[in-house]
Amino acid sequence: MNTQIGLVNTPQLWAIAIMIVRNAIAGKGLACMAAKLAGESWREFATIGALMNALD
């Protein structure tokens, strides 16, 4: 997959791009909440969330 950031050249397209990235990160954070509900510490929860975002 190739990324051509130059095609995102209007404020409206930037807003859409930022919204997509924000939602992707938030969705992974909510998915990681299962670790917190399973009794893991906040540090473990944050580590799992960071690693999930690093794998994209």
PDB file of N, CA and C in Angstrom:
ATOM      1  N   MET A   1       0.851  -1.165   0.000  1.00  0.00           N
ATOM      2  CA  MET A   1       0.000   0.000   0.000  1.00  0.00           C
ATOM      3  C   MET A   1       0.901   1.233   0.000  1.00  0.00           C
ATOM      4  N   ASN A   2       0.605   2.151  -0.873  1.00  0.00           N
ATOM      5  CA  ASN A   2       1.360   3.400  -0.945  1.00  0.00           C
ATOM      6  C   ASN A   2       0.546   4.534  -0.350  1.00  0.00           C
ATOM      7  N   THR A   3       1.229   5.409   0.347  1.00  0.00           N
ATOM      8  CA  THR A   3       0.577   6.569   0.939  1.00  0.00           C
ATOM      9  C   THR A   3       1.067   7.817   0.223  1.00  0.00           C
ATOM     10  N   GLN A   4       0.152   8.614  -0.258  1.00  0.00           N
ATOM     11  CA  GLN A   4       0.498   9.869  -0.903  1.00  0.00           C
ATOM     12  C   GLN A   4      -0.139  11.002  -0.106  1.00  0.00           C
ATOM     13  N   ILE A   5       0.596  11.479   0.892  1.00  0.00           N
ATOM     14  CA  ILE A   5       0.057  12.494   1.805  1.00  0.00           C
ATOM     15  C   ILE A   5      -0.239  13.804   1.070  1.00  0.00           C
ATOM     16  N   GLY A   6       0.377  14.007  -0.083  1.00  0.00           N
ATOM     17  CA  GLY A   6       0.127  15.218  -0.860  1.00  0.00           C
ATOM     18  C   GLY A   6      -1.296  15.315  -1.382  1.00  0.00           C
ATOM     19  N   LEU A   7      -1.993  14.178  -1.438  1.00  0.00           N
ATOM     20  CA  LEU A   7      -3.379  14.197  -1.896  1.00  0.00           C
ATOM     21  C   LEU A   7      -4.333  14.750  -0.835  1.00  0.00           C
ATOM     22  N   VAL A   8      -3.880  14.812   0.403  1.00  0.00           N
ATOM     23  CA  VAL A   8      -4.686  15.396   1.485  1.00  0.00           C
ATOM     24  C   VAL A   8      -4.307  16.877   1.529  1.00  0.00           C
ATOM     25  N   ASN A   9      -4.986  17.661   0.702  1.00  0.00           N
ATOM     26  CA  ASN A   9      -4.547  19.041   0.506  1.00  0.00           C
ATOM     27  C   ASN A   9      -5.598  20.096   0.835  1.00  0.00           C
ATOM     28  N   THR A  10      -6.683  19.692   1.460  1.00  0.00           N
ATOM     29  CA  THR A  10      -7.691  20.677   1.868  1.00  0.00           C
ATOM     30  C   THR A  10      -7.994  20.475   3.357  1.00  0.00           C
ATOM     31  N   PRO A  11      -8.442  21.518   4.014  1.00  0.00           N
ATOM     32  CA  PRO A  11      -8.791  21.376   5.433  1.00  0.00           C
ATOM     33  C   PRO A  11      -9.851  20.300   5.674  1.00  0.00           C
ATOM     34  N   GLN A  12     -10.759  20.140   4.745  1.00  0.00           N
ATOM     35  CA  GLN A  12     -11.814  19.137   4.889  1.00  0.00           C
ATOM     36  C   GLN A  12     -11.217  17.721   4.851  1.00  0.00           C
ATOM     37  N   LEU A  13     -10.274  17.483   3.950  1.00  0.00           N
ATOM     38  CA  LEU A  13      -9.632  16.167   3.879  1.00  0.00           C
ATOM     39  C   LEU A  13      -8.761  15.913   5.107  1.00  0.00           C
ATOM     40  N   TRP A  14      -8.106  16.956   5.615  1.00  0.00           N
ATOM     41  CA  TRP A  14      -7.305  16.797   6.834  1.00  0.00           C
ATOM     42  C   TRP A  14      -8.192  16.438   8.017  1.00  0.00           C
ATOM     43  N   ALA A  15      -9.362  17.069   8.091  1.00  0.00           N
ATOM     44  CA  ALA A  15     -10.292  16.772   9.183  1.00  0.00           C
ATOM     45  C   ALA A  15     -10.752  15.316   9.113  1.00  0.00           C
ATOM     46  N   ILE A  16     -11.023  14.828   7.918  1.00  0.00           N
ATOM     47  CA  ILE A  16     -11.438  13.432   7.758  1.00  0.00           C
ATOM     48  C   ILE A  16     -10.300  12.497   8.159  1.00  0.00           C
ATOM     49  N   ALA A  17      -9.083  12.797   7.708  1.00  0.00           N
ATOM     50  CA  ALA A  17      -7.929  11.956   8.035  1.00  0.00           C
ATOM     51  C   ALA A  17      -7.689  11.907   9.543  1.00  0.00           C
ATOM     52  N   ILE A  18      -7.757  13.049  10.193  1.00  0.00           N
ATOM     53  CA  ILE A  18      -7.547  13.105  11.641  1.00  0.00           C
ATOM     54  C   ILE A  18      -8.652  12.336  12.363  1.00  0.00           C
ATOM     55  N   MET A  19      -9.880  12.453  11.881  1.00  0.00           N
ATOM     56  CA  MET A  19     -10.992  11.742  12.506  1.00  0.00           C
ATOM     57  C   MET A  19     -10.804  10.223  12.384  1.00  0.00           C
ATOM     58  N   ILE A  20     -10.341   9.761  11.244  1.00  0.00           N
ATOM     59  CA  ILE A  20     -10.124   8.334  11.045  1.00  0.00           C
ATOM     60  C   ILE A  20      -9.034   7.814  11.979  1.00  0.00           C
ATOM     61  N   VAL A  21      -7.931   8.535  12.068  1.00  0.00           N
ATOM     62  CA  VAL A  21      -6.834   8.111  12.948  1.00  0.00           C
ATOM     63  C   VAL A  21      -7.277   8.127  14.406  1.00  0.00           C
ATOM     64  N   ARG A  22      -7.988   9.173  14.805  1.00  0.00           N
ATOM     65  CA  ARG A  22      -8.468   9.281  16.189  1.00  0.00           C
ATOM     66  C   ARG A  22      -9.404   8.124  16.538  1.00  0.00           C
ATOM     67  N   ASN A  23     -10.304   7.804  15.627  1.00  0.00           N
ATOM     68  CA  ASN A  23     -11.241   6.710  15.876  1.00  0.00           C
ATOM     69  C   ASN A  23     -10.534   5.358  15.929  1.00  0.00           C
ATOM     70  N   ALA A  24      -9.522   5.173  15.102  1.00  0.00           N
ATOM     71  CA  ALA A  24      -8.768   3.916  15.121  1.00  0.00           C
ATOM     72  C   ALA A  24      -8.053   3.733  16.456  1.00  0.00           C
ATOM     73  N   ILE A  25      -7.434   4.799  16.942  1.00  0.00           N
ATOM     74  CA  ILE A  25      -6.726   4.726  18.229  1.00  0.00           C
ATOM     75  C   ILE A  25      -7.714   4.511  19.365  1.00  0.00           C
ATOM     76  N   ALA A  26      -8.830   5.230  19.353  1.00  0.00           N
ATOM     77  CA  ALA A  26      -9.830   5.083  20.417  1.00  0.00           C
ATOM     78  C   ALA A  26     -10.436   3.679  20.407  1.00  0.00           C
ATOM     79  N   GLY A  27     -10.691   3.137  19.232  1.00  0.00           N
ATOM     80  CA  GLY A  27     -11.252   1.793  19.135  1.00  0.00           C
ATOM     81  C   GLY A  27     -10.326   0.749  19.712  1.00  0.00           C
ATOM     82  N   LYS A  28      -9.048   0.901  19.459  1.00  0.00           N
ATOM     83  CA  LYS A  28      -8.082  -0.036  20.025  1.00  0.00           C
ATOM     84  C   LYS A  28      -7.998   0.126  21.536  1.00  0.00           C
ATOM     85  N   GLY A  29      -8.102   1.360  22.002  1.00  0.00           N
ATOM     86  CA  GLY A  29      -8.089   1.588  23.441  1.00  0.00           C
ATOM     87  C   GLY A  29      -9.269   0.922  24.125  1.00  0.00           C
ATOM     88  N   LEU A  30     -10.422   1.030  23.500  1.00  0.00           N
ATOM     89  CA  LEU A  30     -11.602   0.373  24.071  1.00  0.00           C
ATOM     90  C   LEU A  30     -11.466  -1.145  24.027  1.00  0.00           C
ATOM     91  N   ALA A  31     -10.870  -1.659  22.955  1.00  0.00           N
ATOM     92  CA  ALA A  31     -10.666  -3.101  22.863  1.00  0.00           C
ATOM     93  C   ALA A  31      -9.694  -3.575  23.942  1.00  0.00           C
ATOM     94  N   CYS A  32      -8.728  -2.758  24.274  1.00  0.00           N
ATOM     95  CA  CYS A  32      -7.758  -3.116  25.311  1.00  0.00           C
ATOM     96  C   CYS A  32      -8.380  -3.044  26.707  1.00  0.00           C
ATOM     97  N   MET A  33      -9.527  -2.413  26.810  1.00  0.00           N
ATOM     98  CA  MET A  33     -10.183  -2.307  28.108  1.00  0.00           C
ATOM     99  C   MET A  33     -10.499  -3.693  28.662  1.00  0.00           C
ATOM    100  N   ALA A  34     -10.568  -4.698  27.797  1.00  0.00           N
ATOM    101  CA  ALA A  34     -10.782  -6.073  28.261  1.00  0.00           C
ATOM    102  C   ALA A  34      -9.667  -6.493  29.209  1.00  0.00           C
ATOM    103  N   ALA A  35      -8.446  -6.024  28.960  1.00  0.00           N
ATOM    104  CA  ALA A  35      -7.323  -6.344  29.849  1.00  0.00           C
ATOM    105  C   ALA A  35      -7.564  -5.712  31.226  1.00  0.00           C
ATOM    106  N   LYS A  36      -8.061  -4.499  31.227  1.00  0.00           N
ATOM    107  CA  LYS A  36      -8.334  -3.826  32.507  1.00  0.00           C
ATOM    108  C   LYS A  36      -9.451  -4.547  33.245  1.00  0.00           C
ATOM    109  N   LEU A  37     -10.472  -4.959  32.511  1.00  0.00           N
ATOM    110  CA  LEU A  37     -11.584  -5.668  33.139  1.00  0.00           C
ATOM    111  C   LEU A  37     -11.151  -7.041  33.656  1.00  0.00           C
ATOM    112  N   ALA A  38     -10.090  -7.589  33.068  1.00  0.00           N
ATOM    113  CA  ALA A  38      -9.577  -8.886  33.503  1.00  0.00           C
ATOM    114  C   ALA A  38      -8.673  -8.757  34.728  1.00  0.00           C
ATOM    115  N   GLY A  39      -8.461  -7.525  35.193  1.00  0.00           N
ATOM    116  CA  GLY A  39      -7.696  -7.332  36.422  1.00  0.00           C
ATOM    117  C   GLY A  39      -6.271  -6.864  36.236  1.00  0.00           C
ATOM    118  N   GLU A  40      -5.879  -6.512  35.009  1.00  0.00           N
ATOM    119  CA  GLU A  40      -4.520  -6.026  34.782  1.00  0.00           C
ATOM    120  C   GLU A  40      -4.378  -4.598  35.329  1.00  0.00           C
ATOM    121  N   SER A  41      -3.147  -4.209  35.576  1.00  0.00           N
ATOM    122  CA  SER A  41      -2.884  -2.855  36.092  1.00  0.00           C
ATOM    123  C   SER A  41      -3.035  -1.838  34.957  1.00  0.00           C
ATOM    124  N   TRP A  42      -3.095  -0.550  35.325  1.00  0.00           N
ATOM    125  CA  TRP A  42      -3.192   0.501  34.323  1.00  0.00           C
ATOM    126  C   TRP A  42      -1.952   0.500  33.440  1.00  0.00           C
ATOM    127  N   ARG A  43      -0.810   0.178  34.027  1.00  0.00           N
ATOM    128  CA  ARG A  43       0.431   0.144  33.243  1.00  0.00           C
ATOM    129  C   ARG A  43       0.360  -0.940  32.169  1.00  0.00           C
ATOM    130  N   GLU A  44      -0.130  -2.123  32.518  1.00  0.00           N
ATOM    131  CA  GLU A  44      -0.278  -3.202  31.547  1.00  0.00           C
ATOM    132  C   GLU A  44      -1.303  -2.829  30.476  1.00  0.00           C
ATOM    133  N   PHE A  45      -2.396  -2.220  30.892  1.00  0.00           N
ATOM    134  CA  PHE A  45      -3.429  -1.764  29.964  1.00  0.00           C
ATOM    135  C   PHE A  45      -2.847  -0.783  28.958  1.00  0.00           C
ATOM    136  N   ALA A  46      -2.073   0.189  29.425  1.00  0.00           N
ATOM    137  CA  ALA A  46      -1.465   1.190  28.542  1.00  0.00           C
ATOM    138  C   ALA A  46      -0.433   0.550  27.617  1.00  0.00           C
ATOM    139  N   THR A  47       0.310  -0.416  28.122  1.00  0.00           N
ATOM    140  CA  THR A  47       1.307  -1.098  27.306  1.00  0.00           C
ATOM    141  C   THR A  47       0.648  -1.872  26.176  1.00  0.00           C
ATOM    142  N   ILE A  48      -0.420  -2.576  26.474  1.00  0.00           N
ATOM    143  CA  ILE A  48      -1.143  -3.332  25.448  1.00  0.00           C
ATOM    144  C   ILE A  48      -1.701  -2.367  24.388  1.00  0.00           C
ATOM    145  N   GLY A  49      -2.250  -1.260  24.818  1.00  0.00           N
ATOM    146  CA  GLY A  49      -2.788  -0.273  23.882  1.00  0.00           C
ATOM    147  C   GLY A  49      -1.718   0.320  22.979  1.00  0.00           C
ATOM    148  N   ALA A  50      -0.560   0.641  23.561  1.00  0.00           N
ATOM    149  CA  ALA A  50       0.538   1.189  22.767  1.00  0.00           C
ATOM    150  C   ALA A  50       1.038   0.178  21.749  1.00  0.00           C
ATOM    151  N   LEU A  51       1.143  -1.064  22.167  1.00  0.00           N
ATOM    152  CA  LEU A  51       1.609  -2.092  21.252  1.00  0.00           C
ATOM    153  C   LEU A  51       0.604  -2.357  20.138  1.00  0.00           C
ATOM    154  N   MET A  52      -0.680  -2.276  20.439  1.00  0.00           N
ATOM    155  CA  MET A  52      -1.691  -2.478  19.399  1.00  0.00           C
ATOM    156  C   MET A  52      -1.593  -1.382  18.350  1.00  0.00           C
ATOM    157  N   ASN A  53      -1.311  -0.148  18.763  1.00  0.00           N
ATOM    158  CA  ASN A  53      -1.176   0.943  17.811  1.00  0.00           C
ATOM    159  C   ASN A  53       0.124   0.848  17.024  1.00  0.00           C
ATOM    160  N   ALA A  54       1.144   0.214  17.592  1.00  0.00           N
ATOM    161  CA  ALA A  54       2.422   0.077  16.893  1.00  0.00           C
ATOM    162  C   ALA A  54       2.369  -0.993  15.821  1.00  0.00           C
ATOM    163  N   LEU A  55       1.396  -1.886  15.867  1.00  0.00           N
ATOM    164  CA  LEU A  55       1.344  -2.988  14.916  1.00  0.00           C
ATOM    165  C   LEU A  55       0.663  -2.634  13.607  1.00  0.00           C
ATOM    166  N   ASP A  56       0.116  -1.440  13.485  1.00  0.00           N
ATOM    167  CA  ASP A  56      -0.557  -1.070  12.224  1.00  0.00           C
ATOM    168  C   ASP A  56       0.408  -0.689  11.165  1.00  0.00           C
TER     169      ASP A  56
END
